[in-house]
């Protein structure tokens, strides 16, 4: 393992765009966003996005290997004071050649630590039921299913169901 997990930097805009495009190509069933939607985002916007998430409550963590991003996961916290106790994990992806090497666990640990540092009470995420290895990863880190949603995604005339999961800091997840 010659890679590191770190917080996104403002200079990572183009690399993050490249990784996100790649993720949507190789695992379209894992994301609500389509590659066509992503194509509308220009390089300046990617840099601004990285700048905004490099500090503060909203965050993106990446796996960097030989100066190439091979994994990512984000955490978004709602601006509403009534909802700011909970973070939403989004965009979790590790490039297939690097999967099952601990990078997904490292990304989740970074997000769990980030949430604790910002006083969150819980982290939530949605995962399609096709992603059984991801569900197992989340469960190993203390996430538990709380709702099942039929047909969250509709891709190529196929309904794809999702499991909504939560990590509660007060329940003593695995971190």
Protein backbone atom coordinates (compact mmCIF):
# COMPACT_ATOMS: atom_id res chain seq x y z
CA UNK A 1 0.00 0.00 0.00
CA UNK A 2 1.87 3.01 -1.29
CA UNK A 3 -1.00 5.48 -1.10
CA UNK A 4 -2.29 8.00 1.42
CA UNK A 5 -5.72 9.19 2.49
CA UNK A 6 -5.91 12.95 2.87
CA UNK A 7 -8.32 15.84 2.73
CA UNK A 8 -8.93 17.34 -0.70
CA UNK A 9 -6.85 20.38 -1.63
CA UNK A 10 -7.86 23.31 -3.86
CA UNK A 11 -5.30 22.15 -6.44
CA UNK A 12 -7.06 18.75 -6.81
CA UNK A 13 -9.91 20.06 -8.99
CA UNK A 14 -8.90 18.46 -12.30
CA UNK A 15 -7.82 15.21 -10.63
CA UNK A 16 -11.11 14.98 -8.75
CA UNK A 17 -13.08 15.59 -11.95
CA UNK A 18 -11.09 12.83 -13.67
CA UNK A 19 -11.72 10.40 -10.82
CA UNK A 20 -15.43 11.23 -10.65
CA UNK A 21 -15.85 10.72 -14.41
CA UNK A 22 -14.04 7.40 -14.12
CA UNK A 23 -16.25 6.33 -11.19
CA UNK A 24 -19.44 7.09 -13.11
CA UNK A 25 -18.14 5.09 -16.10
CA UNK A 26 -17.08 1.98 -14.19
CA UNK A 27 -19.84 1.92 -11.56
CA UNK A 28 -22.89 3.80 -12.86
CA UNK A 29 -25.20 1.72 -10.66
CA UNK A 30 -23.50 3.10 -7.55
CA UNK A 31 -24.25 6.79 -8.12
CA UNK A 32 -27.33 8.94 -8.61
CA UNK A 33 -25.42 11.39 -10.83
CA UNK A 34 -24.87 10.52 -14.47
CA UNK A 35 -21.80 11.15 -16.56
CA UNK A 36 -23.85 13.51 -18.76
CA UNK A 37 -24.66 15.67 -15.73
CA UNK A 38 -21.02 15.72 -14.74
CA UNK A 39 -19.97 16.89 -18.22
CA UNK A 40 -21.63 20.25 -17.56
CA UNK A 41 -19.20 21.08 -14.72
CA UNK A 42 -16.18 23.09 -15.91
CA UNK A 43 -12.62 23.08 -14.50
CA UNK A 44 -13.10 26.35 -12.62
CA UNK A 45 -16.13 24.91 -10.84
CA UNK A 46 -14.17 21.80 -9.84
CA UNK A 47 -11.41 23.97 -8.36
CA UNK A 48 -13.99 26.07 -6.49
CA UNK A 49 -15.64 22.90 -5.19
CA UNK A 50 -12.32 21.56 -3.92
CA UNK A 51 -11.53 24.90 -2.31
CA UNK A 52 -14.88 24.92 -0.50
CA UNK A 53 -14.46 21.38 0.84
CA UNK A 54 -10.78 21.65 1.78
CA UNK A 55 -11.75 23.23 5.12
CA UNK A 56 -14.88 23.42 7.23
CA UNK A 57 -17.68 20.98 7.95
CA UNK A 58 -18.29 19.77 4.39
CA UNK A 59 -15.35 17.64 3.29
CA UNK A 60 -13.93 15.36 0.65
CA UNK A 61 -11.23 12.84 1.46
CA UNK A 62 -9.22 11.21 -1.29
CA UNK A 63 -6.79 8.35 -1.74
CA UNK A 64 -3.69 9.54 -3.57
CA UNK A 65 -1.30 7.05 -5.17
CA UNK A 66 1.73 8.29 -7.12
CA UNK A 67 0.06 11.72 -7.47
CA UNK A 68 -3.09 10.17 -8.97
CA UNK A 69 -6.41 10.08 -7.11
CA UNK A 70 -7.68 6.49 -6.87
CA UNK A 71 -10.46 6.92 -4.31
CA UNK A 72 -12.76 9.48 -2.76
CA UNK A 73 -15.62 10.00 -0.33
CA UNK A 74 -17.44 13.15 0.69
CA UNK A 75 -19.38 14.35 3.71
CA UNK A 76 -22.01 17.08 3.52
CA UNK A 77 -23.65 18.71 6.51
CA UNK A 78 -26.92 20.57 6.00
CA UNK A 79 -26.78 24.31 6.76
CA UNK A 80 -30.09 24.16 8.63
CA UNK A 81 -29.47 24.23 12.41
CA UNK A 82 -32.21 21.62 12.80
CA UNK A 83 -30.31 19.19 10.56
CA UNK A 84 -26.68 20.11 11.29
CA UNK A 85 -26.29 17.18 13.72
CA UNK A 86 -26.08 14.73 10.82
CA UNK A 87 -23.62 14.30 7.97
CA UNK A 88 -24.39 12.70 4.62
CA UNK A 89 -21.68 10.53 3.10
CA UNK A 90 -21.69 10.68 -0.69
CA UNK A 91 -19.55 9.65 -3.65
CA UNK A 92 -17.69 6.79 -1.97
CA UNK A 93 -15.48 5.17 -4.62
CA UNK A 94 -12.20 3.28 -4.83
CA UNK A 95 -10.92 2.42 -8.30
CA UNK A 96 -11.44 -1.36 -8.83
CA UNK A 97 -7.71 -2.26 -9.14
CA UNK A 98 -7.20 -0.78 -5.66
CA UNK A 99 -10.25 -2.25 -3.95
CA UNK A 100 -9.92 -4.77 -1.10
CA UNK A 101 -6.63 -3.18 0.01
CA UNK A 102 -8.01 -1.17 2.94
CA UNK A 103 -8.54 2.16 1.18
CA UNK A 104 -12.31 2.12 1.63
CA UNK A 105 -11.81 1.53 5.36
CA UNK A 106 -9.32 4.37 5.53
CA UNK A 107 -11.75 6.72 3.76
CA UNK A 108 -14.59 5.75 6.13
CA UNK A 109 -12.33 6.20 9.16
CA UNK A 110 -11.38 9.66 7.91
CA UNK A 111 -15.05 10.61 7.52
CA UNK A 112 -15.99 9.18 10.92
CA UNK A 113 -13.13 11.10 12.54
CA UNK A 114 -14.11 14.23 10.62
CA UNK A 115 -17.71 13.97 11.82
CA UNK A 116 -16.63 13.50 15.43
CA UNK A 117 -14.32 16.52 15.20
CA UNK A 118 -17.26 18.62 14.00
CA UNK A 119 -19.62 17.40 16.72
CA UNK A 120 -21.92 15.36 14.50
CA UNK A 121 -24.23 12.87 16.17
CA UNK A 122 -24.55 10.61 13.13
CA UNK A 123 -23.49 9.94 9.57
CA UNK A 124 -25.93 8.64 6.97
CA UNK A 125 -25.47 7.16 3.52
CA UNK A 126 -27.37 5.37 0.79
CA UNK A 127 -25.99 2.37 -1.04
CA UNK A 128 -27.56 0.36 -3.84
CA UNK A 129 -28.31 -3.24 -2.98
CA UNK A 130 -26.09 -4.29 -5.89
CA UNK A 131 -23.07 -3.10 -3.88
CA UNK A 132 -22.91 -5.97 -1.38
CA UNK A 133 -19.20 -5.55 -0.67
CA UNK A 134 -19.79 -1.87 0.11
CA UNK A 135 -22.66 -2.77 2.45
CA UNK A 136 -20.38 -5.22 4.26
CA UNK A 137 -17.67 -2.54 4.54
CA UNK A 138 -20.14 -0.06 6.03
CA UNK A 139 -21.45 -2.66 8.50
CA UNK A 140 -17.89 -3.48 9.64
CA UNK A 141 -17.49 0.21 10.47
CA UNK A 142 -20.63 0.37 12.59
CA UNK A 143 -23.22 1.52 10.03
CA UNK A 144 -26.64 -0.08 10.31
CA UNK A 145 -29.50 -0.21 7.82
CA UNK A 146 -32.58 1.80 8.78
CA UNK A 147 -34.64 1.90 5.58
CA UNK A 148 -34.98 0.13 2.27
CA UNK A 149 -35.97 2.18 -0.76
CA UNK A 150 -37.27 0.44 -3.86
CA UNK A 151 -36.24 1.83 -7.22
CA UNK A 152 -33.99 4.63 -5.93
CA UNK A 153 -32.25 4.54 -9.31
CA UNK A 154 -33.56 3.67 -12.74
CA UNK A 155 -30.80 2.76 -15.19
CA UNK A 156 -31.26 1.13 -18.60
CA UNK A 157 -34.89 0.22 -17.85
CA UNK A 158 -33.85 -1.44 -14.60
CA UNK A 159 -34.97 -0.44 -11.12
CA UNK A 160 -32.16 -0.45 -8.56
CA UNK A 161 -33.09 -0.55 -4.88
CA UNK A 162 -31.12 1.09 -2.09
CA UNK A 163 -30.38 0.58 1.57
CA UNK A 164 -30.16 3.69 3.77
CA UNK A 165 -27.62 3.30 6.58
CA UNK A 166 -26.66 5.28 9.66
CA UNK A 167 -23.62 5.47 11.93
CA UNK A 168 -24.47 6.84 15.40
CA UNK A 169 -21.59 8.15 17.45
CA UNK A 170 -23.57 7.64 20.68
CA UNK A 171 -23.97 3.91 19.94
CA UNK A 172 -20.21 3.46 19.86
CA UNK A 173 -19.68 2.38 16.26
CA UNK A 174 -16.29 0.77 15.63
CA UNK A 175 -14.31 4.03 15.61
